[in-house]
Amino acid sequence: MESTQHPGTLTGHVFLAQLITQYAALHKKTSGPRAEAYIQQIGIRTGEWLERFYHDEQRSPWTVDKYAQVIVDIKNAIGGHFYIADVQPDHVLVKASGCPFGDAVKEAPHLCNMTSSVFGGIASRQFGFAEVSLRKRIAAGDTGCEAVIYFTPDNDENGDVYKDLPLTPDNGNPFLWEEETITLLNEEMQRNDAYILELLEELEDLKKKVNEQEDHQ
């Protein structure tokens, strides 16, 4: 009996990472550049939710050291391999040898906007301003990731800027989006459904043509 070879151990994390990257790739095809904006908004809101796990009872202001430890812990908790490379009063540099989405992220490189917006959103809420530059990305073919987060606009990087972000009220849910955003997301989901149906129709047409050719042989 032949054994089936797999590219690695199948776990819930591996399956979920593959599912997310495939959906993100499909969403990118159907909605184009807007897919990046949606990923960014999801990252900002997700970051606010994650941030709450690290507040102390007094909600004391964070130090730069604590911020660096938190963002690395978040990434590693979901399957990444991140570490702190440098901490300065005005910026933090983190690096990674592995992405939470694994090599599958190469199929949906715009998911890196999630990293940028989680890092930038948390820094903006803690320090008032953030600019995130993803210098290296596994998704883009680099051997590792490298992200620098600045807390002041006075830097030489050309990254994503995060400031004046709306805060969810205490005991609120950052995932309860406003009606306009929900409507837009619903429209995008309908576009995805229409795209899938179109693909199915094309496959049926192709199948019919193949059958017709076989009948004429």
Protein backbone atom coordinates (compact mmCIF):
# COMPACT_ATOMS: atom_id res chain seq x y z
CA MET A 1 0.00 0.00 0.00
CA GLU A 2 1.45 3.36 -1.04
CA SER A 3 1.93 5.99 1.63
CA THR A 4 0.71 9.52 1.09
CA GLN A 5 3.35 12.20 1.53
CA HIS A 6 2.39 15.46 3.22
CA PRO A 7 4.36 18.75 3.24
CA GLY A 8 4.31 18.77 7.05
CA THR A 9 2.27 17.89 10.10
CA LEU A 10 -1.40 18.75 9.79
CA THR A 11 -2.58 20.76 12.77
CA GLY A 12 -5.44 23.13 13.44
CA HIS A 13 -3.06 26.06 13.09
CA VAL A 14 -1.72 24.85 9.73
CA PHE A 15 -5.24 24.32 8.41
CA LEU A 16 -6.46 27.72 9.63
CA ALA A 17 -3.41 29.51 8.19
CA GLN A 18 -4.00 27.87 4.81
CA LEU A 19 -7.71 28.72 4.94
CA ILE A 20 -7.04 32.38 5.76
CA THR A 21 -4.41 32.81 3.06
CA GLN A 22 -6.61 31.19 0.42
CA TYR A 23 -9.55 33.39 1.35
CA ALA A 24 -7.31 36.48 1.37
CA ALA A 25 -5.96 35.61 -2.07
CA LEU A 26 -9.49 35.19 -3.42
CA HIS A 27 -10.60 38.45 -1.81
CA LYS A 28 -7.64 40.25 -3.39
CA LYS A 29 -8.63 38.97 -6.84
CA THR A 30 -12.22 40.09 -6.48
CA SER A 31 -11.79 43.45 -4.73
CA GLY A 32 -8.32 44.55 -5.86
CA PRO A 33 -6.52 47.28 -3.88
CA ARG A 34 -9.42 47.59 -1.45
CA ALA A 35 -8.48 44.21 0.00
CA GLU A 36 -5.41 45.79 1.58
CA ALA A 37 -7.55 48.48 3.22
CA TYR A 38 -9.87 45.84 4.69
CA ILE A 39 -6.94 43.84 6.06
CA GLN A 40 -5.56 47.01 7.61
CA GLN A 41 -8.85 47.84 9.34
CA ILE A 42 -9.18 44.28 10.63
CA GLY A 43 -5.63 44.51 11.99
CA ILE A 44 -6.31 47.79 13.79
CA ARG A 45 -9.38 46.37 15.49
CA THR A 46 -7.73 43.03 16.24
CA GLY A 47 -4.77 44.84 17.77
CA GLU A 48 -7.06 46.79 20.09
CA TRP A 49 -8.67 43.54 21.21
CA LEU A 50 -5.31 41.83 21.76
CA GLU A 51 -3.96 44.84 23.58
CA ARG A 52 -6.49 44.33 26.37
CA PHE A 53 -4.87 41.04 27.33
CA TYR A 54 -1.75 42.93 28.40
CA HIS A 55 -3.23 45.81 30.43
CA ASP A 56 -2.68 45.75 34.15
CA GLU A 57 -5.50 46.53 36.57
CA GLN A 58 -4.52 50.21 36.76
CA ARG A 59 -4.15 50.48 32.96
CA SER A 60 -0.72 52.00 33.55
CA PRO A 61 1.01 53.66 30.58
CA TRP A 62 3.25 51.30 28.66
CA THR A 63 6.99 51.65 28.36
CA VAL A 64 8.70 51.11 25.03
CA ASP A 65 10.19 47.89 26.43
CA LYS A 66 6.76 46.55 27.34
CA TYR A 67 5.41 47.44 23.90
CA ALA A 68 8.24 45.53 22.20
CA GLN A 69 7.65 42.49 24.39
CA VAL A 70 3.90 42.57 23.74
CA ILE A 71 4.04 42.71 19.94
CA VAL A 72 6.57 39.87 19.83
CA ASP A 73 4.49 37.82 22.26
CA ILE A 74 1.36 38.34 20.13
CA LYS A 75 3.09 37.13 16.99
CA ASN A 76 4.67 34.12 18.66
CA ALA A 77 1.42 33.18 20.39
CA ILE A 78 -0.21 32.68 16.97
CA GLY A 79 2.62 30.66 15.48
CA GLY A 80 5.24 33.18 14.41
CA HIS A 81 8.95 33.19 15.24
CA PHE A 82 9.62 36.81 16.20
CA TYR A 83 12.25 38.39 18.42
CA ILE A 84 13.27 41.86 19.57
CA ALA A 85 16.28 43.14 17.63
CA ASP A 86 16.56 46.68 19.02
CA VAL A 87 14.71 48.99 21.41
CA GLN A 88 15.25 52.75 21.40
CA PRO A 89 13.20 55.59 22.93
CA ASP A 90 11.85 56.55 19.50
CA HIS A 91 11.56 53.16 17.79
CA VAL A 92 11.50 49.38 18.08
CA LEU A 93 12.96 46.89 15.62
CA VAL A 94 11.67 43.32 15.51
CA LYS A 95 12.70 40.48 13.26
CA ALA A 96 11.29 37.05 12.43
CA SER A 97 12.46 33.78 10.96
CA GLY A 98 8.93 32.44 10.52
CA CYS A 99 5.49 33.86 9.68
CA PRO A 100 2.32 32.83 11.56
CA PHE A 101 0.83 31.92 8.18
CA GLY A 102 3.85 29.88 7.14
CA ASP A 103 4.96 29.79 3.52
CA ALA A 104 1.30 30.06 2.50
CA VAL A 105 1.56 33.82 3.10
CA LYS A 106 3.38 34.06 -0.24
CA GLU A 107 0.02 33.37 -1.88
CA ALA A 108 -1.50 36.42 -0.16
CA PRO A 109 1.35 38.87 0.60
CA HIS A 110 -1.09 41.68 1.40
CA LEU A 111 -1.75 39.88 4.70
CA CYS A 112 1.42 41.66 5.86
CA ASN A 113 -0.86 44.67 6.29
CA MET A 114 -2.19 42.80 9.31
CA THR A 115 1.26 42.92 10.92
CA SER A 116 1.66 46.60 10.11
CA SER A 117 -1.76 47.59 11.45
CA VAL A 118 -1.57 45.48 14.62
CA PHE A 119 1.90 46.86 15.45
CA GLY A 120 1.01 50.40 14.38
CA GLY A 121 -2.42 50.47 15.98
CA ILE A 122 -1.12 49.41 19.38
CA ALA A 123 1.79 51.89 19.23
CA SER A 124 -0.53 54.71 18.19
CA ARG A 125 -2.90 54.07 21.07
CA GLN A 126 -0.05 53.80 23.58
CA PHE A 127 2.23 56.59 22.36
CA GLY A 128 0.00 58.79 20.19
CA PHE A 129 1.72 58.12 16.86
CA ALA A 130 3.26 55.24 14.93
CA GLU A 131 4.91 54.70 11.59
CA VAL A 132 5.56 51.11 10.58
CA SER A 133 8.01 50.08 7.89
CA LEU A 134 8.15 46.44 6.83
CA ARG A 135 11.73 46.36 5.60
CA LYS A 136 11.79 42.64 4.85
CA ARG A 137 8.94 40.18 4.33
CA ILE A 138 8.84 36.43 3.96
CA ALA A 139 5.71 36.99 1.87
CA ALA A 140 7.82 38.95 -0.64
CA GLY A 141 10.51 36.28 -0.88
CA ASP A 142 12.89 37.43 1.85
CA THR A 143 14.37 34.79 4.15
CA GLY A 144 12.94 36.59 7.18
CA CYS A 145 10.84 39.54 8.26
CA GLU A 146 12.05 42.85 9.63
CA ALA A 147 9.71 45.55 10.94
CA VAL A 148 10.58 48.89 12.51
CA ILE A 149 8.00 50.91 14.42
CA TYR A 150 8.67 54.60 15.04
CA PHE A 151 6.84 56.67 17.65
CA THR A 152 7.58 60.07 16.09
CA PRO A 153 7.22 61.30 12.50
CA ASP A 154 10.86 62.43 12.44
CA ASN A 155 12.47 59.46 10.72
CA ASP A 156 13.83 58.44 7.35
CA GLU A 157 11.39 55.58 6.78
CA ASN A 158 8.48 55.67 4.36
CA GLY A 159 6.02 53.46 6.21
CA ASP A 160 2.37 53.20 7.16
CA VAL A 161 1.28 55.98 9.52
CA TYR A 162 -1.16 55.41 12.38
CA LYS A 163 -2.53 58.27 14.46
CA ASP A 164 -5.81 59.61 15.84
CA LEU A 165 -7.33 56.13 15.86
CA PRO A 166 -10.84 55.85 17.32
CA LEU A 167 -10.96 54.00 20.63
CA THR A 168 -13.67 51.54 21.59
CA PRO A 169 -15.42 52.65 24.82
CA ASP A 170 -14.63 50.71 27.99
CA ASN A 171 -16.32 47.30 28.02
CA GLY A 172 -17.14 47.79 24.34
CA ASN A 173 -16.37 45.39 21.52
CA PRO A 174 -13.81 46.58 18.93
CA PHE A 175 -15.32 44.12 16.45
CA LEU A 176 -18.76 45.78 16.46
CA TRP A 177 -18.27 47.78 13.32
CA GLU A 178 -20.36 50.68 12.18
CA GLU A 179 -23.20 49.98 9.76
CA GLU A 180 -21.42 51.55 6.78
CA THR A 181 -18.42 49.25 7.17
CA ILE A 182 -20.65 46.19 7.54
CA THR A 183 -22.50 47.15 4.36
CA LEU A 184 -19.24 47.47 2.43
CA LEU A 185 -18.02 44.10 3.70
CA ASN A 186 -21.34 42.51 2.71
CA GLU A 187 -20.96 43.91 -0.80
CA GLU A 188 -17.45 42.44 -1.02
CA MET A 189 -18.72 39.04 0.12
CA GLN A 190 -21.38 39.17 -2.58
CA ARG A 191 -18.69 39.96 -5.14
CA ASN A 192 -16.73 36.92 -3.94
CA ASP A 193 -19.83 34.72 -4.27
CA ALA A 194 -20.45 36.02 -7.78
CA TYR A 195 -16.81 35.35 -8.70
CA ILE A 196 -17.02 31.76 -7.47
CA LEU A 197 -20.26 31.18 -9.39
CA GLU A 198 -18.63 32.58 -12.51
CA LEU A 199 -15.72 30.16 -12.10
CA LEU A 200 -18.13 27.24 -11.70
CA GLU A 201 -19.97 28.26 -14.87
CA GLU A 202 -16.68 28.41 -16.77
CA LEU A 203 -15.75 24.96 -15.51
CA GLU A 204 -19.14 23.60 -16.62
CA ASP A 205 -18.69 25.14 -20.08
CA LEU A 206 -15.23 23.64 -20.31
CA LYS A 207 -16.58 20.25 -19.27
CA LYS A 208 -19.26 20.42 -21.96
CA LYS A 209 -16.70 21.31 -24.62
CA VAL A 210 -14.49 18.40 -23.59
CA ASN A 211 -17.47 16.02 -23.72
CA GLU A 212 -18.47 17.32 -27.16
CA GLN A 213 -14.96 16.78 -28.49
CA GLU A 214 -14.95 13.23 -27.14
CA ASP A 215 -18.34 12.55 -28.78
CA HIS A 216 -17.00 13.68 -32.15
CA GLN A 217 -13.96 11.44 -31.95
